Full PDB file with SEQRES, HELIX, SHEET, SSBOND, CRYST1, ORIGX, SCALE, CONECT and MASTER records, all heavy atoms in Angstrom:
SEQRES   1 A   33  GLU CYS LEU GLU PRO ALA TRP MET GLY THR ALA ASP PRO          
SEQRES   2 A   33  GLY GLU ARG ALA PHE ILE GLN GLY LEU ILE LYS LEU ALA          
SEQRES   3 A   33  ALA ALA ASP VAL HIS ALA VAL                                  
HELIX    1 AA1 LEU A    3  MET A    8  1                                   6    
HELIX    2 AA2 PRO A   13  ALA A   32  1                                  20    
CRYST1    1.000    1.000    1.000  90.00  90.00  90.00 P 1           1          
ORIGX1      1.000000  0.000000  0.000000        0.00000                         
ORIGX2      0.000000  1.000000  0.000000        0.00000                         
ORIGX3      0.000000  0.000000  1.000000        0.00000                         
SCALE1      1.000000  0.000000  0.000000        0.00000                         
SCALE2      0.000000  1.000000  0.000000        0.00000                         
SCALE3      0.000000  0.000000  1.000000        0.00000                         
ATOM      1  N   GLU A   1       3.356 -19.445   2.398  1.00  0.00           N  
ATOM      2  CA  GLU A   1       1.996 -19.983   2.566  1.00  0.00           C  
ATOM      3  C   GLU A   1       0.926 -18.903   2.378  1.00  0.00           C  
ATOM      4  O   GLU A   1      -0.120 -19.161   1.790  1.00  0.00           O  
ATOM      5  CB  GLU A   1       1.851 -20.634   3.943  1.00  0.00           C  
ATOM      6  CG  GLU A   1       2.709 -21.868   4.131  1.00  0.00           C  
ATOM      7  CD  GLU A   1       2.374 -22.976   3.159  1.00  0.00           C  
ATOM      8  OE1 GLU A   1       1.184 -23.358   3.055  1.00  0.00           O  
ATOM      9  OE2 GLU A   1       3.296 -23.460   2.464  1.00  0.00           O  
ATOM     10  N   CYS A   2       1.173 -17.702   2.881  1.00  0.00           N  
ATOM     11  CA  CYS A   2       0.194 -16.609   2.756  1.00  0.00           C  
ATOM     12  C   CYS A   2       0.038 -16.161   1.309  1.00  0.00           C  
ATOM     13  O   CYS A   2      -1.050 -15.746   0.904  1.00  0.00           O  
ATOM     14  CB  CYS A   2       0.615 -15.413   3.612  1.00  0.00           C  
ATOM     15  SG  CYS A   2       0.455 -15.673   5.386  1.00  0.00           S  
ATOM     16  N   LEU A   3       1.109 -16.212   0.543  1.00  0.00           N  
ATOM     17  CA  LEU A   3       1.074 -15.743  -0.837  1.00  0.00           C  
ATOM     18  C   LEU A   3       0.391 -16.716  -1.787  1.00  0.00           C  
ATOM     19  O   LEU A   3      -0.132 -16.306  -2.831  1.00  0.00           O  
ATOM     20  CB  LEU A   3       2.495 -15.445  -1.328  1.00  0.00           C  
ATOM     21  CG  LEU A   3       3.179 -14.242  -0.689  1.00  0.00           C  
ATOM     22  CD1 LEU A   3       4.672 -14.243  -1.013  1.00  0.00           C  
ATOM     23  CD2 LEU A   3       2.524 -12.949  -1.115  1.00  0.00           C  
ATOM     24  N   GLU A   4       0.361 -17.991  -1.446  1.00  0.00           N  
ATOM     25  CA  GLU A   4      -0.199 -18.985  -2.362  1.00  0.00           C  
ATOM     26  C   GLU A   4      -1.660 -18.729  -2.741  1.00  0.00           C  
ATOM     27  O   GLU A   4      -2.002 -18.842  -3.915  1.00  0.00           O  
ATOM     28  CB  GLU A   4      -0.008 -20.397  -1.819  1.00  0.00           C  
ATOM     29  CG  GLU A   4       1.364 -20.916  -2.136  1.00  0.00           C  
ATOM     30  CD  GLU A   4       1.479 -22.418  -2.024  1.00  0.00           C  
ATOM     31  OE1 GLU A   4       0.563 -23.071  -1.491  1.00  0.00           O  
ATOM     32  OE2 GLU A   4       2.506 -22.925  -2.492  1.00  0.00           O  
ATOM     33  N   PRO A   5      -2.550 -18.383  -1.804  1.00  0.00           N  
ATOM     34  CA  PRO A   5      -3.940 -18.130  -2.232  1.00  0.00           C  
ATOM     35  C   PRO A   5      -4.047 -16.974  -3.227  1.00  0.00           C  
ATOM     36  O   PRO A   5      -4.873 -17.021  -4.138  1.00  0.00           O  
ATOM     37  CB  PRO A   5      -4.672 -17.800  -0.923  1.00  0.00           C  
ATOM     38  CG  PRO A   5      -3.843 -18.401   0.149  1.00  0.00           C  
ATOM     39  CD  PRO A   5      -2.422 -18.333  -0.351  1.00  0.00           C  
ATOM     40  N   ALA A   6      -3.215 -15.958  -3.065  1.00  0.00           N  
ATOM     41  CA  ALA A   6      -3.239 -14.836  -4.008  1.00  0.00           C  
ATOM     42  C   ALA A   6      -2.796 -15.294  -5.392  1.00  0.00           C  
ATOM     43  O   ALA A   6      -3.381 -14.908  -6.409  1.00  0.00           O  
ATOM     44  CB  ALA A   6      -2.342 -13.706  -3.508  1.00  0.00           C  
ATOM     45  N   TRP A   7      -1.766 -16.142  -5.432  1.00  0.00           N  
ATOM     46  CA  TRP A   7      -1.272 -16.678  -6.706  1.00  0.00           C  
ATOM     47  C   TRP A   7      -2.324 -17.556  -7.370  1.00  0.00           C  
ATOM     48  O   TRP A   7      -2.611 -17.400  -8.564  1.00  0.00           O  
ATOM     49  CB  TRP A   7       0.024 -17.462  -6.453  1.00  0.00           C  
ATOM     50  CG  TRP A   7       0.460 -18.308  -7.598  1.00  0.00           C  
ATOM     51  CD1 TRP A   7       0.834 -17.885  -8.836  1.00  0.00           C  
ATOM     52  CD2 TRP A   7       0.571 -19.735  -7.610  1.00  0.00           C  
ATOM     53  NE1 TRP A   7       1.176 -18.963  -9.621  1.00  0.00           N  
ATOM     54  CE2 TRP A   7       1.019 -20.106  -8.887  1.00  0.00           C  
ATOM     55  CE3 TRP A   7       0.341 -20.722  -6.663  1.00  0.00           C  
ATOM     56  CZ2 TRP A   7       1.247 -21.429  -9.247  1.00  0.00           C  
ATOM     57  CZ3 TRP A   7       0.572 -22.033  -7.019  1.00  0.00           C  
ATOM     58  CH2 TRP A   7       1.021 -22.376  -8.295  1.00  0.00           C  
ATOM     59  N   MET A   8      -2.902 -18.469  -6.606  1.00  0.00           N  
ATOM     60  CA  MET A   8      -3.893 -19.381  -7.174  1.00  0.00           C  
ATOM     61  C   MET A   8      -5.232 -18.701  -7.428  1.00  0.00           C  
ATOM     62  O   MET A   8      -6.051 -19.224  -8.153  1.00  0.00           O  
ATOM     63  CB  MET A   8      -4.102 -20.584  -6.249  1.00  0.00           C  
ATOM     64  CG  MET A   8      -2.927 -21.530  -6.242  1.00  0.00           C  
ATOM     65  SD  MET A   8      -3.274 -23.038  -5.325  1.00  0.00           S  
ATOM     66  CE  MET A   8      -2.814 -22.546  -3.686  1.00  0.00           C  
ATOM     67  N   GLY A   9      -5.426 -17.513  -6.857  1.00  0.00           N  
ATOM     68  CA  GLY A   9      -6.724 -16.858  -6.936  1.00  0.00           C  
ATOM     69  C   GLY A   9      -6.928 -15.937  -8.111  1.00  0.00           C  
ATOM     70  O   GLY A   9      -7.993 -15.345  -8.254  1.00  0.00           O  
ATOM     71  N   THR A  10      -5.917 -15.790  -8.956  1.00  0.00           N  
ATOM     72  CA  THR A  10      -6.067 -14.914 -10.118  1.00  0.00           C  
ATOM     73  C   THR A  10      -5.788 -15.680 -11.402  1.00  0.00           C  
ATOM     74  O   THR A  10      -4.937 -16.561 -11.432  1.00  0.00           O  
ATOM     75  CB  THR A  10      -5.138 -13.686 -10.036  1.00  0.00           C  
ATOM     76  OG1 THR A  10      -5.382 -12.849 -11.170  1.00  0.00           O  
ATOM     77  CG2 THR A  10      -3.681 -14.065  -9.995  1.00  0.00           C  
ATOM     78  N   ALA A  11      -6.510 -15.304 -12.438  1.00  0.00           N  
ATOM     79  CA  ALA A  11      -6.286 -15.889 -13.759  1.00  0.00           C  
ATOM     80  C   ALA A  11      -5.402 -14.980 -14.611  1.00  0.00           C  
ATOM     81  O   ALA A  11      -5.006 -15.365 -15.700  1.00  0.00           O  
ATOM     82  CB  ALA A  11      -7.621 -16.132 -14.466  1.00  0.00           C  
ATOM     83  N   ASP A  12      -5.082 -13.772 -14.112  1.00  0.00           N  
ATOM     84  CA  ASP A  12      -4.262 -12.834 -14.874  1.00  0.00           C  
ATOM     85  C   ASP A  12      -2.818 -13.334 -14.928  1.00  0.00           C  
ATOM     86  O   ASP A  12      -2.181 -13.502 -13.882  1.00  0.00           O  
ATOM     87  CB  ASP A  12      -4.317 -11.453 -14.210  1.00  0.00           C  
ATOM     88  CG  ASP A  12      -3.432 -10.466 -14.932  1.00  0.00           C  
ATOM     89  OD1 ASP A  12      -3.877  -9.930 -15.957  1.00  0.00           O  
ATOM     90  OD2 ASP A  12      -2.293 -10.256 -14.462  1.00  0.00           O  
ATOM     91  N   PRO A  13      -2.281 -13.586 -16.118  1.00  0.00           N  
ATOM     92  CA  PRO A  13      -0.922 -14.146 -16.220  1.00  0.00           C  
ATOM     93  C   PRO A  13       0.156 -13.269 -15.587  1.00  0.00           C  
ATOM     94  O   PRO A  13       1.079 -13.788 -14.962  1.00  0.00           O  
ATOM     95  CB  PRO A  13      -0.692 -14.278 -17.732  1.00  0.00           C  
ATOM     96  CG  PRO A  13      -2.040 -14.220 -18.347  1.00  0.00           C  
ATOM     97  CD  PRO A  13      -2.916 -13.421 -17.426  1.00  0.00           C  
ATOM     98  N   GLY A  14       0.067 -11.960 -15.743  1.00  0.00           N  
ATOM     99  CA  GLY A  14       1.074 -11.071 -15.152  1.00  0.00           C  
ATOM    100  C   GLY A  14       1.038 -11.098 -13.643  1.00  0.00           C  
ATOM    101  O   GLY A  14       2.069 -11.160 -12.976  1.00  0.00           O  
ATOM    102  N   GLU A  15      -0.164 -11.055 -13.093  1.00  0.00           N  
ATOM    103  CA  GLU A  15      -0.319 -11.099 -11.634  1.00  0.00           C  
ATOM    104  C   GLU A  15       0.156 -12.435 -11.087  1.00  0.00           C  
ATOM    105  O   GLU A  15       0.850 -12.493 -10.066  1.00  0.00           O  
ATOM    106  CB  GLU A  15      -1.774 -10.845 -11.263  1.00  0.00           C  
ATOM    107  CG  GLU A  15      -2.010 -10.680  -9.786  1.00  0.00           C  
ATOM    108  CD  GLU A  15      -3.463 -10.345  -9.451  1.00  0.00           C  
ATOM    109  OE1 GLU A  15      -4.253 -10.038 -10.354  1.00  0.00           O  
ATOM    110  OE2 GLU A  15      -3.791 -10.413  -8.256  1.00  0.00           O  
ATOM    111  N   ARG A  16      -0.193 -13.524 -11.773  1.00  0.00           N  
ATOM    112  CA  ARG A  16       0.251 -14.849 -11.330  1.00  0.00           C  
ATOM    113  C   ARG A  16       1.777 -14.935 -11.327  1.00  0.00           C  
ATOM    114  O   ARG A  16       2.386 -15.420 -10.377  1.00  0.00           O  
ATOM    115  CB  ARG A  16      -0.339 -15.950 -12.214  1.00  0.00           C  
ATOM    116  CG  ARG A  16      -1.794 -16.237 -11.950  1.00  0.00           C  
ATOM    117  CD  ARG A  16      -2.315 -17.358 -12.840  1.00  0.00           C  
ATOM    118  NE  ARG A  16      -1.790 -18.654 -12.454  1.00  0.00           N  
ATOM    119  CZ  ARG A  16      -2.354 -19.464 -11.569  1.00  0.00           C  
ATOM    120  NH1 ARG A  16      -3.457 -19.117 -10.948  1.00  0.00           N  
ATOM    121  NH2 ARG A  16      -1.831 -20.635 -11.292  1.00  0.00           N  
ATOM    122  N   ALA A  17       2.395 -14.454 -12.397  1.00  0.00           N  
ATOM    123  CA  ALA A  17       3.853 -14.520 -12.493  1.00  0.00           C  
ATOM    124  C   ALA A  17       4.511 -13.686 -11.391  1.00  0.00           C  
ATOM    125  O   ALA A  17       5.484 -14.124 -10.770  1.00  0.00           O  
ATOM    126  CB  ALA A  17       4.308 -14.045 -13.875  1.00  0.00           C  
ATOM    127  N   PHE A  18       3.973 -12.500 -11.141  1.00  0.00           N  
ATOM    128  CA  PHE A  18       4.530 -11.625 -10.111  1.00  0.00           C  
ATOM    129  C   PHE A  18       4.442 -12.270  -8.730  1.00  0.00           C  
ATOM    130  O   PHE A  18       5.436 -12.353  -8.003  1.00  0.00           O  
ATOM    131  CB  PHE A  18       3.807 -10.283 -10.116  1.00  0.00           C  
ATOM    132  CG  PHE A  18       4.264  -9.364  -9.025  1.00  0.00           C  
ATOM    133  CD1 PHE A  18       5.532  -8.808  -9.051  1.00  0.00           C  
ATOM    134  CD2 PHE A  18       3.432  -9.054  -7.971  1.00  0.00           C  
ATOM    135  CE1 PHE A  18       5.958  -7.956  -8.037  1.00  0.00           C  
ATOM    136  CE2 PHE A  18       3.849  -8.200  -6.954  1.00  0.00           C  
ATOM    137  CZ  PHE A  18       5.122  -7.656  -6.996  1.00  0.00           C  
ATOM    138  N   ILE A  19       3.271 -12.766  -8.386  1.00  0.00           N  
ATOM    139  CA  ILE A  19       3.087 -13.363  -7.054  1.00  0.00           C  
ATOM    140  C   ILE A  19       3.901 -14.641  -6.922  1.00  0.00           C  
ATOM    141  O   ILE A  19       4.516 -14.885  -5.880  1.00  0.00           O  
ATOM    142  CB  ILE A  19       1.595 -13.598  -6.753  1.00  0.00           C  
ATOM    143  CG1 ILE A  19       0.872 -12.247  -6.696  1.00  0.00           C  
ATOM    144  CG2 ILE A  19       1.417 -14.360  -5.443  1.00  0.00           C  
ATOM    145  CD1 ILE A  19      -0.645 -12.347  -6.672  1.00  0.00           C  
ATOM    146  N   GLN A  20       3.959 -15.436  -7.984  1.00  0.00           N  
ATOM    147  CA  GLN A  20       4.762 -16.651  -7.896  1.00  0.00           C  
ATOM    148  C   GLN A  20       6.245 -16.307  -7.761  1.00  0.00           C  
ATOM    149  O   GLN A  20       6.992 -17.006  -7.073  1.00  0.00           O  
ATOM    150  CB  GLN A  20       4.526 -17.560  -9.101  1.00  0.00           C  
ATOM    151  CG  GLN A  20       5.095 -18.943  -8.873  1.00  0.00           C  
ATOM    152  CD  GLN A  20       4.756 -19.908  -9.979  1.00  0.00           C  
ATOM    153  OE1 GLN A  20       4.482 -19.507 -11.099  1.00  0.00           O  
ATOM    154  NE2 GLN A  20       4.790 -21.182  -9.661  1.00  0.00           N  
ATOM    155  N   GLY A  21       6.675 -15.205  -8.373  1.00  0.00           N  
ATOM    156  CA  GLY A  21       8.054 -14.756  -8.180  1.00  0.00           C  
ATOM    157  C   GLY A  21       8.322 -14.431  -6.724  1.00  0.00           C  
ATOM    158  O   GLY A  21       9.374 -14.778  -6.178  1.00  0.00           O  
ATOM    159  N   LEU A  22       7.361 -13.763  -6.066  1.00  0.00           N  
ATOM    160  CA  LEU A  22       7.511 -13.468  -4.635  1.00  0.00           C  
ATOM    161  C   LEU A  22       7.548 -14.752  -3.811  1.00  0.00           C  
ATOM    162  O   LEU A  22       8.321 -14.864  -2.848  1.00  0.00           O  
ATOM    163  CB  LEU A  22       6.362 -12.575  -4.160  1.00  0.00           C  
ATOM    164  CG  LEU A  22       6.291 -11.168  -4.754  1.00  0.00           C  
ATOM    165  CD1 LEU A  22       5.064 -10.439  -4.209  1.00  0.00           C  
ATOM    166  CD2 LEU A  22       7.560 -10.386  -4.481  1.00  0.00           C  
ATOM    167  N   ILE A  23       6.723 -15.726  -4.189  1.00  0.00           N  
ATOM    168  CA  ILE A  23       6.716 -17.021  -3.490  1.00  0.00           C  
ATOM    169  C   ILE A  23       8.094 -17.679  -3.611  1.00  0.00           C  
ATOM    170  O   ILE A  23       8.631 -18.220  -2.635  1.00  0.00           O  
ATOM    171  CB  ILE A  23       5.605 -17.932  -4.040  1.00  0.00           C  
ATOM    172  CG1 ILE A  23       4.230 -17.386  -3.626  1.00  0.00           C  
ATOM    173  CG2 ILE A  23       5.788 -19.375  -3.585  1.00  0.00           C  
ATOM    174  CD1 ILE A  23       3.048 -18.047  -4.328  1.00  0.00           C  
ATOM    175  N   LYS A  24       8.671 -17.629  -4.803  1.00  0.00           N  
ATOM    176  CA  LYS A  24       9.999 -18.214  -5.007  1.00  0.00           C  
ATOM    177  C   LYS A  24      11.067 -17.489  -4.186  1.00  0.00           C  
ATOM    178  O   LYS A  24      11.999 -18.118  -3.678  1.00  0.00           O  
ATOM    179  CB  LYS A  24      10.370 -18.207  -6.491  1.00  0.00           C  
ATOM    180  CG  LYS A  24       9.547 -19.139  -7.345  1.00  0.00           C  
ATOM    181  CD  LYS A  24       9.939 -20.564  -7.072  1.00  0.00           C  
ATOM    182  CE  LYS A  24       9.261 -21.525  -8.012  1.00  0.00           C  
ATOM    183  NZ  LYS A  24       9.713 -22.904  -7.764  1.00  0.00           N  
ATOM    184  N   LEU A  25      10.935 -16.163  -4.037  1.00  0.00           N  
ATOM    185  CA  LEU A  25      11.880 -15.434  -3.179  1.00  0.00           C  
ATOM    186  C   LEU A  25      11.781 -15.905  -1.738  1.00  0.00           C  
ATOM    187  O   LEU A  25      12.797 -16.112  -1.067  1.00  0.00           O  
ATOM    188  CB  LEU A  25      11.615 -13.932  -3.248  1.00  0.00           C  
ATOM    189  CG  LEU A  25      11.984 -13.229  -4.542  1.00  0.00           C  
ATOM    190  CD1 LEU A  25      11.575 -11.758  -4.465  1.00  0.00           C  
ATOM    191  CD2 LEU A  25      13.468 -13.354  -4.819  1.00  0.00           C  
ATOM    192  N   ALA A  26      10.560 -16.064  -1.254  1.00  0.00           N  
ATOM    193  CA  ALA A  26      10.373 -16.547   0.118  1.00  0.00           C  
ATOM    194  C   ALA A  26      10.955 -17.955   0.268  1.00  0.00           C  
ATOM    195  O   ALA A  26      11.601 -18.264   1.272  1.00  0.00           O  
ATOM    196  CB  ALA A  26       8.886 -16.524   0.490  1.00  0.00           C  
ATOM    197  N   ALA A  27      10.740 -18.792  -0.743  1.00  0.00           N  
ATOM    198  CA  ALA A  27      11.284 -20.156  -0.697  1.00  0.00           C  
ATOM    199  C   ALA A  27      12.810 -20.126  -0.684  1.00  0.00           C  
ATOM    200  O   ALA A  27      13.450 -20.936   0.002  1.00  0.00           O  
ATOM    201  CB  ALA A  27      10.769 -20.976  -1.877  1.00  0.00           C  
ATOM    202  N   ALA A  28      13.414 -19.188  -1.409  1.00  0.00           N  
ATOM    203  CA  ALA A  28      14.879 -19.057  -1.388  1.00  0.00           C  
ATOM    204  C   ALA A  28      15.358 -18.759   0.029  1.00  0.00           C  
ATOM    205  O   ALA A  28      16.351 -19.325   0.497  1.00  0.00           O  
ATOM    206  CB  ALA A  28      15.328 -17.956  -2.349  1.00  0.00           C  
ATOM    207  N   ASP A  29      14.643 -17.891   0.728  1.00  0.00           N  
ATOM    208  CA  ASP A  29      15.022 -17.578   2.106  1.00  0.00           C  
ATOM    209  C   ASP A  29      14.828 -18.774   3.033  1.00  0.00           C  
ATOM    210  O   ASP A  29      15.622 -18.991   3.943  1.00  0.00           O  
ATOM    211  CB  ASP A  29      14.231 -16.378   2.618  1.00  0.00           C  
ATOM    212  CG  ASP A  29      14.864 -15.069   2.179  1.00  0.00           C  
ATOM    213  OD1 ASP A  29      16.073 -14.892   2.425  1.00  0.00           O  
ATOM    214  OD2 ASP A  29      14.166 -14.235   1.613  1.00  0.00           O  
ATOM    215  N   VAL A  30      13.781 -19.551   2.809  1.00  0.00           N  
ATOM    216  CA  VAL A  30      13.577 -20.765   3.612  1.00  0.00           C  
ATOM    217  C   VAL A  30      14.791 -21.673   3.455  1.00  0.00           C  
ATOM    218  O   VAL A  30      15.334 -22.189   4.436  1.00  0.00           O  
ATOM    219  CB  VAL A  30      12.274 -21.496   3.208  1.00  0.00           C  
ATOM    220  CG1 VAL A  30      12.214 -22.887   3.828  1.00  0.00           C  
ATOM    221  CG2 VAL A  30      11.052 -20.688   3.613  1.00  0.00           C  
ATOM    222  N   HIS A  31      15.239 -21.870   2.221  1.00  0.00           N  
ATOM    223  CA  HIS A  31      16.402 -22.729   1.977  1.00  0.00           C  
ATOM    224  C   HIS A  31      17.675 -22.135   2.563  1.00  0.00           C  
ATOM    225  O   HIS A  31      18.540 -22.869   3.057  1.00  0.00           O  
ATOM    226  CB  HIS A  31      16.558 -23.005   0.484  1.00  0.00           C  
ATOM    227  CG  HIS A  31      15.560 -23.986  -0.027  1.00  0.00           C  
ATOM    228  ND1 HIS A  31      15.641 -25.335   0.231  1.00  0.00           N  
ATOM    229  CD2 HIS A  31      14.424 -23.806  -0.752  1.00  0.00           C  
ATOM    230  CE1 HIS A  31      14.619 -25.956  -0.330  1.00  0.00           C  
ATOM    231  NE2 HIS A  31      13.850 -25.038  -0.929  1.00  0.00           N  
ATOM    232  N   ALA A  32      17.799 -20.819   2.530  1.00  0.00           N  
ATOM    233  CA  ALA A  32      18.987 -20.184   3.114  1.00  0.00           C  
ATOM    234  C   ALA A  32      19.039 -20.418   4.610  1.00  0.00           C  
ATOM    235  O   ALA A  32      20.095 -20.736   5.161  1.00  0.00           O  
ATOM    236  CB  ALA A  32      18.988 -18.689   2.801  1.00  0.00           C  
ATOM    237  N   VAL A  33      17.899 -20.280   5.279  1.00  0.00           N  
ATOM    238  CA  VAL A  33      17.836 -20.519   6.727  1.00  0.00           C  
ATOM    239  C   VAL A  33      18.227 -21.964   7.037  1.00  0.00           C  
ATOM    240  O   VAL A  33      18.891 -22.238   8.041  1.00  0.00           O  
ATOM    241  CB  VAL A  33      16.426 -20.189   7.273  1.00  0.00           C  
ATOM    242  CG1 VAL A  33      16.248 -20.691   8.690  1.00  0.00           C  
ATOM    243  CG2 VAL A  33      16.159 -18.692   7.192  1.00  0.00           C  
TER     244      VAL A  33                                                      
MASTER        0    0    0    2    0    0    0    6  243    1    0    3          
END                                                                             
């Protein structure tokens, strides 16, 4: 949830991809739990 504003807040494709990758990692841990 904290990472989403950073992802949605940039138009830079590299930055968006990087932050969304981190969001997906966090989501993987949510599913693991």
